[in-house]
Amino acid sequence: MAFFKGQETYSIDNKGRVNIPAKMRKSLSPEANDTFAITRGLDKCITAYPIDEWKKYEEKFANLNQYDEKNRYFLRMLLMWSEEVALDAQQRITLPRKLLEFAGIESKVMIVGMGDHIEFWNPDEFENYLNKFNEPYEKVAEQVFSDSMK
């Protein structure tokens, strides 16, 4: 199982190609075959799941009741933005233009490890995201951990 952590800021070329940091590539399992499922993130970012991790989510998606309107909306939004991409010989993936536009990514991209997936952010958007939280990190950590222990 992959577990991505850390962050790096890289350049992205005019074809939408970006290197995956070596420390994150090392977390890929052989079952991922150097392939990611990429899609729109929950915030203004792009998410990339190793294909073996994505398959676990696909099983969950298949079990959603598609007669429920919110489930259909969620699946449509998630899957219409989704694509599979593989690492090329230079250890890069190509982020589709529509996802780059959604995330506002132009020449620089912040790559953030998020456990089972990687996020790609416009560095300014990421800074805005962090600044919108009014509570100190320690208070958020306390709440998250106390809620998860129940």
N, C-alpha and C. Protein backbone atom coordinates (compact mmCIF):
# COMPACT_ATOMS: atom_id res chain seq x y z
N MET A 1 0.84 -1.19 0.00
CA MET A 1 0.00 0.00 0.00
C MET A 1 0.88 1.25 0.00
N ALA A 2 0.55 2.17 -0.84
CA ALA A 2 1.29 3.44 -0.91
C ALA A 2 0.95 4.32 0.29
N PHE A 3 1.93 5.08 0.74
CA PHE A 3 1.67 6.11 1.73
C PHE A 3 2.57 7.29 1.41
N PHE A 4 1.96 8.31 0.80
CA PHE A 4 2.69 9.48 0.35
C PHE A 4 2.71 10.55 1.42
N LYS A 5 3.87 11.18 1.57
CA LYS A 5 3.99 12.29 2.52
C LYS A 5 5.00 13.29 1.98
N GLY A 6 5.00 14.47 2.57
CA GLY A 6 5.92 15.51 2.16
C GLY A 6 5.32 16.44 1.12
N GLN A 7 6.13 17.41 0.70
CA GLN A 7 5.69 18.36 -0.33
C GLN A 7 6.90 18.89 -1.07
N GLU A 8 6.69 19.16 -2.33
CA GLU A 8 7.71 19.71 -3.22
C GLU A 8 7.03 20.69 -4.17
N THR A 9 7.76 21.69 -4.62
CA THR A 9 7.26 22.58 -5.65
C THR A 9 8.14 22.38 -6.88
N TYR A 10 7.50 22.04 -8.00
CA TYR A 10 8.18 21.75 -9.25
C TYR A 10 7.63 22.64 -10.35
N SER A 11 8.38 22.71 -11.42
CA SER A 11 7.89 23.37 -12.64
C SER A 11 7.06 22.37 -13.42
N ILE A 12 6.13 22.90 -14.18
CA ILE A 12 5.31 22.08 -15.06
C ILE A 12 5.55 22.62 -16.47
N ASP A 13 5.74 21.73 -17.43
CA ASP A 13 6.05 22.22 -18.78
C ASP A 13 4.76 22.58 -19.54
N ASN A 14 4.92 23.13 -20.74
CA ASN A 14 3.76 23.61 -21.49
C ASN A 14 2.87 22.48 -22.01
N LYS A 15 3.31 21.24 -21.89
CA LYS A 15 2.47 20.09 -22.24
C LYS A 15 1.77 19.50 -21.03
N GLY A 16 1.95 20.12 -19.86
CA GLY A 16 1.29 19.65 -18.64
C GLY A 16 2.04 18.52 -17.95
N ARG A 17 3.30 18.33 -18.28
CA ARG A 17 4.08 17.25 -17.68
C ARG A 17 4.80 17.75 -16.43
N VAL A 18 4.78 16.90 -15.42
CA VAL A 18 5.44 17.23 -14.15
C VAL A 18 6.07 15.96 -13.59
N ASN A 19 7.27 16.13 -13.02
CA ASN A 19 7.94 15.01 -12.38
C ASN A 19 7.24 14.66 -11.08
N ILE A 20 7.21 13.39 -10.78
CA ILE A 20 6.76 12.93 -9.47
C ILE A 20 8.03 12.84 -8.61
N PRO A 21 8.04 13.48 -7.43
CA PRO A 21 9.24 13.45 -6.59
C PRO A 21 9.70 12.01 -6.31
N ALA A 22 11.01 11.81 -6.30
CA ALA A 22 11.59 10.48 -6.09
C ALA A 22 11.08 9.85 -4.79
N LYS A 23 10.98 10.65 -3.72
CA LYS A 23 10.53 10.09 -2.45
C LYS A 23 9.09 9.59 -2.54
N MET A 24 8.29 10.17 -3.41
CA MET A 24 6.92 9.70 -3.59
C MET A 24 6.88 8.49 -4.53
N ARG A 25 7.72 8.50 -5.56
CA ARG A 25 7.77 7.34 -6.45
C ARG A 25 8.16 6.08 -5.69
N LYS A 26 9.02 6.23 -4.69
CA LYS A 26 9.45 5.08 -3.89
C LYS A 26 8.29 4.46 -3.12
N SER A 27 7.25 5.23 -2.88
CA SER A 27 6.08 4.72 -2.16
C SER A 27 5.12 3.93 -3.04
N LEU A 28 5.32 4.00 -4.35
CA LEU A 28 4.44 3.25 -5.26
C LEU A 28 4.66 1.75 -5.09
N SER A 29 3.59 1.00 -5.04
CA SER A 29 3.71 -0.45 -4.98
C SER A 29 3.90 -0.99 -6.39
N PRO A 30 4.50 -2.17 -6.53
CA PRO A 30 4.65 -2.76 -7.86
C PRO A 30 3.31 -2.96 -8.57
N GLU A 31 2.24 -3.18 -7.79
CA GLU A 31 0.91 -3.39 -8.36
C GLU A 31 0.36 -2.15 -9.07
N ALA A 32 0.92 -0.99 -8.77
CA ALA A 32 0.45 0.24 -9.41
C ALA A 32 0.95 0.34 -10.85
N ASN A 33 1.97 -0.42 -11.22
CA ASN A 33 2.51 -0.40 -12.58
C ASN A 33 2.83 1.02 -13.05
N ASP A 34 3.31 1.87 -12.13
CA ASP A 34 3.67 3.26 -12.46
C ASP A 34 2.52 4.02 -13.11
N THR A 35 1.29 3.68 -12.74
CA THR A 35 0.09 4.28 -13.32
C THR A 35 -0.76 4.91 -12.22
N PHE A 36 -1.31 6.06 -12.53
CA PHE A 36 -2.18 6.80 -11.61
C PHE A 36 -3.54 7.05 -12.24
N ALA A 37 -4.56 7.10 -11.40
CA ALA A 37 -5.86 7.64 -11.79
C ALA A 37 -5.87 9.06 -11.25
N ILE A 38 -6.07 10.03 -12.14
CA ILE A 38 -6.09 11.42 -11.70
C ILE A 38 -7.48 11.99 -11.91
N THR A 39 -7.85 12.89 -11.02
CA THR A 39 -9.18 13.48 -11.08
C THR A 39 -9.19 14.81 -10.33
N ARG A 40 -10.31 15.46 -10.40
CA ARG A 40 -10.54 16.70 -9.67
C ARG A 40 -10.53 16.41 -8.18
N GLY A 41 -9.81 17.24 -7.43
CA GLY A 41 -9.78 17.08 -5.98
C GLY A 41 -10.99 17.70 -5.31
N LEU A 42 -11.12 17.48 -4.02
CA LEU A 42 -12.25 18.03 -3.28
C LEU A 42 -12.09 19.52 -3.03
N ASP A 43 -10.89 20.01 -3.01
CA ASP A 43 -10.63 21.43 -2.95
C ASP A 43 -10.09 21.82 -4.33
N LYS A 44 -9.53 22.97 -4.49
CA LYS A 44 -9.11 23.42 -5.82
C LYS A 44 -7.74 22.82 -6.17
N CYS A 45 -7.72 21.48 -6.28
CA CYS A 45 -6.49 20.78 -6.58
C CYS A 45 -6.80 19.58 -7.48
N ILE A 46 -5.75 18.91 -7.91
CA ILE A 46 -5.85 17.68 -8.69
C ILE A 46 -5.36 16.55 -7.79
N THR A 47 -6.06 15.42 -7.80
CA THR A 47 -5.61 14.27 -7.02
C THR A 47 -5.15 13.17 -7.96
N ALA A 48 -4.13 12.43 -7.50
CA ALA A 48 -3.61 11.29 -8.26
C ALA A 48 -3.49 10.10 -7.32
N TYR A 49 -4.22 9.04 -7.65
CA TYR A 49 -4.18 7.81 -6.87
C TYR A 49 -3.41 6.75 -7.66
N PRO A 50 -2.47 6.04 -7.03
CA PRO A 50 -1.88 4.89 -7.73
C PRO A 50 -3.04 3.97 -8.15
N ILE A 51 -2.92 3.38 -9.30
CA ILE A 51 -4.05 2.63 -9.86
C ILE A 51 -4.51 1.51 -8.94
N ASP A 52 -3.60 0.88 -8.19
CA ASP A 52 -4.03 -0.18 -7.28
C ASP A 52 -4.88 0.37 -6.13
N GLU A 53 -4.56 1.58 -5.66
CA GLU A 53 -5.38 2.23 -4.63
C GLU A 53 -6.72 2.67 -5.21
N TRP A 54 -6.70 3.20 -6.43
CA TRP A 54 -7.92 3.66 -7.09
C TRP A 54 -8.92 2.52 -7.26
N LYS A 55 -8.42 1.33 -7.55
CA LYS A 55 -9.30 0.17 -7.74
C LYS A 55 -10.11 -0.11 -6.47
N LYS A 56 -9.52 0.14 -5.31
CA LYS A 56 -10.26 -0.03 -4.05
C LYS A 56 -11.43 0.95 -3.99
N TYR A 57 -11.21 2.18 -4.46
CA TYR A 57 -12.29 3.16 -4.49
C TYR A 57 -13.33 2.78 -5.53
N GLU A 58 -12.91 2.23 -6.65
CA GLU A 58 -13.86 1.81 -7.68
C GLU A 58 -14.85 0.79 -7.13
N GLU A 59 -14.36 -0.10 -6.27
CA GLU A 59 -15.26 -1.08 -5.64
C GLU A 59 -16.31 -0.37 -4.81
N LYS A 60 -15.89 0.67 -4.08
CA LYS A 60 -16.84 1.45 -3.27
C LYS A 60 -17.82 2.20 -4.17
N PHE A 61 -17.32 2.77 -5.27
CA PHE A 61 -18.19 3.49 -6.19
C PHE A 61 -19.25 2.55 -6.77
N ALA A 62 -18.85 1.34 -7.09
CA ALA A 62 -19.77 0.37 -7.68
C ALA A 62 -20.90 0.01 -6.72
N ASN A 63 -20.65 0.16 -5.42
CA ASN A 63 -21.66 -0.18 -4.42
C ASN A 63 -22.59 0.99 -4.07
N LEU A 64 -22.33 2.15 -4.64
CA LEU A 64 -23.22 3.29 -4.37
C LEU A 64 -24.54 3.09 -5.10
N ASN A 65 -25.61 3.48 -4.44
CA ASN A 65 -26.94 3.40 -5.04
C ASN A 65 -27.09 4.51 -6.08
N GLN A 66 -27.05 4.14 -7.35
CA GLN A 66 -27.13 5.15 -8.41
C GLN A 66 -28.54 5.68 -8.62
N TYR A 67 -29.50 5.15 -7.86
CA TYR A 67 -30.85 5.72 -7.91
C TYR A 67 -30.98 6.91 -6.96
N ASP A 68 -29.96 7.12 -6.12
CA ASP A 68 -29.92 8.27 -5.24
C ASP A 68 -29.29 9.44 -6.00
N GLU A 69 -29.98 10.56 -6.03
CA GLU A 69 -29.54 11.71 -6.83
C GLU A 69 -28.15 12.22 -6.44
N LYS A 70 -27.86 12.30 -5.15
CA LYS A 70 -26.55 12.80 -4.72
C LYS A 70 -25.44 11.82 -5.11
N ASN A 71 -25.71 10.54 -5.03
CA ASN A 71 -24.71 9.56 -5.45
C ASN A 71 -24.41 9.71 -6.95
N ARG A 72 -25.45 9.87 -7.75
CA ARG A 72 -25.25 10.03 -9.20
C ARG A 72 -24.44 11.29 -9.48
N TYR A 73 -24.77 12.37 -8.81
CA TYR A 73 -24.05 13.62 -9.00
C TYR A 73 -22.58 13.45 -8.63
N PHE A 74 -22.33 12.87 -7.47
CA PHE A 74 -20.96 12.64 -7.03
C PHE A 74 -20.18 11.82 -8.05
N LEU A 75 -20.76 10.70 -8.48
CA LEU A 75 -20.07 9.83 -9.43
C LEU A 75 -19.81 10.54 -10.76
N ARG A 76 -20.79 11.29 -11.23
CA ARG A 76 -20.60 12.02 -12.49
C ARG A 76 -19.48 13.04 -12.38
N MET A 77 -19.52 13.81 -11.31
CA MET A 77 -18.49 14.84 -11.13
C MET A 77 -17.10 14.22 -11.00
N LEU A 78 -16.99 13.18 -10.23
CA LEU A 78 -15.69 12.55 -10.02
C LEU A 78 -15.19 11.87 -11.29
N LEU A 79 -16.04 11.07 -11.90
CA LEU A 79 -15.58 10.25 -13.02
C LEU A 79 -15.43 11.01 -14.33
N MET A 80 -16.20 12.07 -14.52
CA MET A 80 -16.04 12.81 -15.78
C MET A 80 -14.70 13.54 -15.84
N TRP A 81 -14.09 13.78 -14.68
CA TRP A 81 -12.79 14.45 -14.63
C TRP A 81 -11.64 13.43 -14.59
N SER A 82 -11.93 12.15 -14.47
CA SER A 82 -10.92 11.13 -14.21
C SER A 82 -10.26 10.60 -15.47
N GLU A 83 -8.96 10.34 -15.36
CA GLU A 83 -8.17 9.73 -16.44
C GLU A 83 -7.07 8.90 -15.83
N GLU A 84 -6.59 7.91 -16.57
CA GLU A 84 -5.42 7.15 -16.17
C GLU A 84 -4.20 7.70 -16.89
N VAL A 85 -3.10 7.88 -16.15
CA VAL A 85 -1.85 8.33 -16.74
C VAL A 85 -0.71 7.48 -16.17
N ALA A 86 0.29 7.27 -17.00
CA ALA A 86 1.45 6.47 -16.57
C ALA A 86 2.69 7.35 -16.55
N LEU A 87 3.61 6.99 -15.68
CA LEU A 87 4.91 7.67 -15.65
C LEU A 87 5.62 7.42 -16.98
N ASP A 88 6.23 8.46 -17.53
CA ASP A 88 7.02 8.28 -18.75
C ASP A 88 8.46 7.94 -18.36
N ALA A 89 9.33 7.85 -19.34
CA ALA A 89 10.73 7.47 -19.10
C ALA A 89 11.46 8.46 -18.20
N GLN A 90 11.00 9.72 -18.16
CA GLN A 90 11.62 10.74 -17.29
C GLN A 90 10.91 10.86 -15.94
N GLN A 91 10.05 9.89 -15.62
CA GLN A 91 9.34 9.85 -14.33
C GLN A 91 8.35 11.01 -14.18
N ARG A 92 7.73 11.39 -15.31
CA ARG A 92 6.73 12.46 -15.30
C ARG A 92 5.35 11.88 -15.61
N ILE A 93 4.34 12.60 -15.16
CA ILE A 93 2.98 12.33 -15.64
C ILE A 93 2.48 13.59 -16.33
N THR A 94 1.52 13.39 -17.20
CA THR A 94 0.90 14.51 -17.89
C THR A 94 -0.45 14.78 -17.24
N LEU A 95 -0.61 16.01 -16.76
CA LEU A 95 -1.88 16.43 -16.17
C LEU A 95 -2.73 17.05 -17.28
N PRO A 96 -3.95 16.55 -17.47
CA PRO A 96 -4.79 17.07 -18.56
C PRO A 96 -5.09 18.55 -18.40
N ARG A 97 -5.18 19.23 -19.53
CA ARG A 97 -5.42 20.67 -19.57
C ARG A 97 -6.66 21.06 -18.76
N LYS A 98 -7.74 20.30 -18.88
CA LYS A 98 -8.98 20.67 -18.16
C LYS A 98 -8.77 20.65 -16.64
N LEU A 99 -7.94 19.72 -16.14
CA LEU A 99 -7.67 19.68 -14.71
C LEU A 99 -6.73 20.80 -14.29
N LEU A 100 -5.75 21.11 -15.13
CA LEU A 100 -4.85 22.23 -14.83
C LEU A 100 -5.63 23.54 -14.75
N GLU A 101 -6.58 23.73 -15.67
CA GLU A 101 -7.41 24.94 -15.64
C GLU A 101 -8.26 24.98 -14.39
N PHE A 102 -8.87 23.85 -14.02
CA PHE A 102 -9.69 23.77 -12.81
C PHE A 102 -8.88 24.19 -11.59
N ALA A 103 -7.65 23.68 -11.47
CA ALA A 103 -6.81 23.94 -10.30
C ALA A 103 -6.04 25.26 -10.39
N GLY A 104 -6.09 25.93 -11.55
CA GLY A 104 -5.38 27.18 -11.73
C GLY A 104 -3.87 27.01 -11.77
N ILE A 105 -3.41 25.83 -12.19
CA ILE A 105 -1.98 25.54 -12.24
C ILE A 105 -1.44 26.01 -13.58
N GLU A 106 -0.34 26.79 -13.52
CA GLU A 106 0.27 27.30 -14.75
C GLU A 106 1.72 26.82 -14.86
N SER A 107 2.67 27.54 -14.29
CA SER A 107 4.08 27.17 -14.48
C SER A 107 4.68 26.42 -13.29
N LYS A 108 4.14 26.63 -12.11
CA LYS A 108 4.62 25.96 -10.90
C LYS A 108 3.50 25.13 -10.30
N VAL A 109 3.89 24.01 -9.71
CA VAL A 109 2.91 23.15 -9.06
C VAL A 109 3.48 22.66 -7.73
N MET A 110 2.66 22.75 -6.69
CA MET A 110 3.03 22.20 -5.40
C MET A 110 2.46 20.78 -5.34
N ILE A 111 3.32 19.83 -5.03
CA ILE A 111 2.93 18.42 -4.96
C ILE A 111 2.93 18.04 -3.49
N VAL A 112 1.78 17.55 -3.00
CA VAL A 112 1.60 17.27 -1.58
C VAL A 112 1.22 15.80 -1.41
N GLY A 113 1.96 15.09 -0.55
CA GLY A 113 1.61 13.71 -0.22
C GLY A 113 0.44 13.68 0.75
N MET A 114 -0.56 12.85 0.44
CA MET A 114 -1.77 12.78 1.27
C MET A 114 -2.11 11.33 1.64
N GLY A 115 -1.11 10.57 2.02
CA GLY A 115 -1.37 9.18 2.40
C GLY A 115 -1.55 8.30 1.19
N ASP A 116 -2.78 7.98 0.85
CA ASP A 116 -3.03 7.06 -0.27
C ASP A 116 -3.05 7.75 -1.62
N HIS A 117 -2.85 9.07 -1.66
CA HIS A 117 -2.82 9.79 -2.94
C HIS A 117 -1.91 11.01 -2.86
N ILE A 118 -1.73 11.62 -4.02
CA ILE A 118 -0.92 12.83 -4.15
C ILE A 118 -1.84 13.95 -4.63
N GLU A 119 -1.60 15.16 -4.15
CA GLU A 119 -2.35 16.33 -4.63
C GLU A 119 -1.41 17.27 -5.37
N PHE A 120 -1.96 17.93 -6.40
CA PHE A 120 -1.24 18.93 -7.18
C PHE A 120 -1.98 20.25 -7.02
N TRP A 121 -1.27 21.27 -6.56
CA TRP A 121 -1.86 22.58 -6.26
C TRP A 121 -1.11 23.70 -6.98
N ASN A 122 -1.84 24.75 -7.32
CA ASN A 122 -1.22 26.02 -7.62
C ASN A 122 -0.67 26.49 -6.26
N PRO A 123 0.63 26.83 -6.16
CA PRO A 123 1.19 27.21 -4.85
C PRO A 123 0.44 28.35 -4.16
N ASP A 124 -0.05 29.33 -4.92
CA ASP A 124 -0.81 30.44 -4.31
C ASP A 124 -2.15 29.95 -3.78
N GLU A 125 -2.81 29.06 -4.51
CA GLU A 125 -4.09 28.51 -4.04
C GLU A 125 -3.89 27.71 -2.77
N PHE A 126 -2.78 26.96 -2.70
CA PHE A 126 -2.50 26.18 -1.49
C PHE A 126 -2.29 27.11 -0.30
N GLU A 127 -1.57 28.19 -0.51
CA GLU A 127 -1.37 29.17 0.56
C GLU A 127 -2.71 29.77 1.00
N ASN A 128 -3.58 30.11 0.04
CA ASN A 128 -4.92 30.62 0.37
C ASN A 128 -5.71 29.59 1.17
N TYR A 129 -5.61 28.33 0.76
CA TYR A 129 -6.30 27.25 1.47
C TYR A 129 -5.85 27.20 2.93
N LEU A 130 -4.55 27.22 3.14
CA LEU A 130 -4.02 27.16 4.51
C LEU A 130 -4.44 28.37 5.34
N ASN A 131 -4.47 29.54 4.72
CA ASN A 131 -4.79 30.77 5.44
C ASN A 131 -6.25 30.90 5.82
N LYS A 132 -7.12 30.11 5.23
CA LYS A 132 -8.55 30.25 5.54
C LYS A 132 -8.92 29.61 6.88
N PHE A 133 -8.02 28.83 7.46
CA PHE A 133 -8.31 28.21 8.75
C PHE A 133 -7.98 29.18 9.87
N ASN A 134 -8.97 29.41 10.73
CA ASN A 134 -8.81 30.36 11.82
C ASN A 134 -8.24 29.70 13.07
N GLU A 135 -8.38 28.38 13.18
CA GLU A 135 -7.91 27.68 14.36
C GLU A 135 -6.45 27.28 14.20
N PRO A 136 -5.68 27.31 15.28
CA PRO A 136 -4.30 26.84 15.19
C PRO A 136 -4.26 25.33 14.88
N TYR A 137 -3.19 24.93 14.22
CA TYR A 137 -2.99 23.53 13.86
C TYR A 137 -3.16 22.60 15.06
N GLU A 138 -2.64 22.99 16.22
CA GLU A 138 -2.71 22.16 17.42
C GLU A 138 -4.15 21.89 17.83
N LYS A 139 -5.02 22.89 17.72
CA LYS A 139 -6.43 22.72 18.07
C LYS A 139 -7.13 21.78 17.08
N VAL A 140 -6.82 21.94 15.81
CA VAL A 140 -7.41 21.06 14.79
C VAL A 140 -6.94 19.63 15.04
N ALA A 141 -5.65 19.44 15.30
CA ALA A 141 -5.12 18.10 15.56
C ALA A 141 -5.80 17.47 16.77
N GLU A 142 -6.00 18.26 17.81
CA GLU A 142 -6.67 17.76 19.01
C GLU A 142 -8.07 17.27 18.68
N GLN A 143 -8.81 18.06 17.92
CA GLN A 143 -10.18 17.67 17.56
C GLN A 143 -10.20 16.46 16.66
N VAL A 144 -9.35 16.43 15.66
CA VAL A 144 -9.32 15.29 14.73
C VAL A 144 -9.01 14.01 15.48
N PHE A 145 -8.00 14.04 16.33
CA PHE A 145 -7.62 12.83 17.04
C PHE A 145 -8.64 12.43 18.10
N SER A 146 -9.26 13.40 18.76
CA SER A 146 -10.27 13.02 19.77
C SER A 146 -11.50 12.45 19.09
N ASP A 147 -11.86 12.98 17.89
CA ASP A 147 -13.00 12.45 17.15
C ASP A 147 -12.71 11.05 16.62
N SER A 148 -11.47 10.78 16.22
CA SER A 148 -11.14 9.48 15.65
C SER A 148 -11.01 8.40 16.72
N MET A 149 -10.89 8.79 17.98
CA MET A 149 -10.75 7.82 19.06
C MET A 149 -12.10 7.38 19.62
N LYS A 150 -13.17 7.96 19.14
CA LYS A 150 -14.52 7.61 19.66
C LYS A 150 -14.99 6.30 19.08
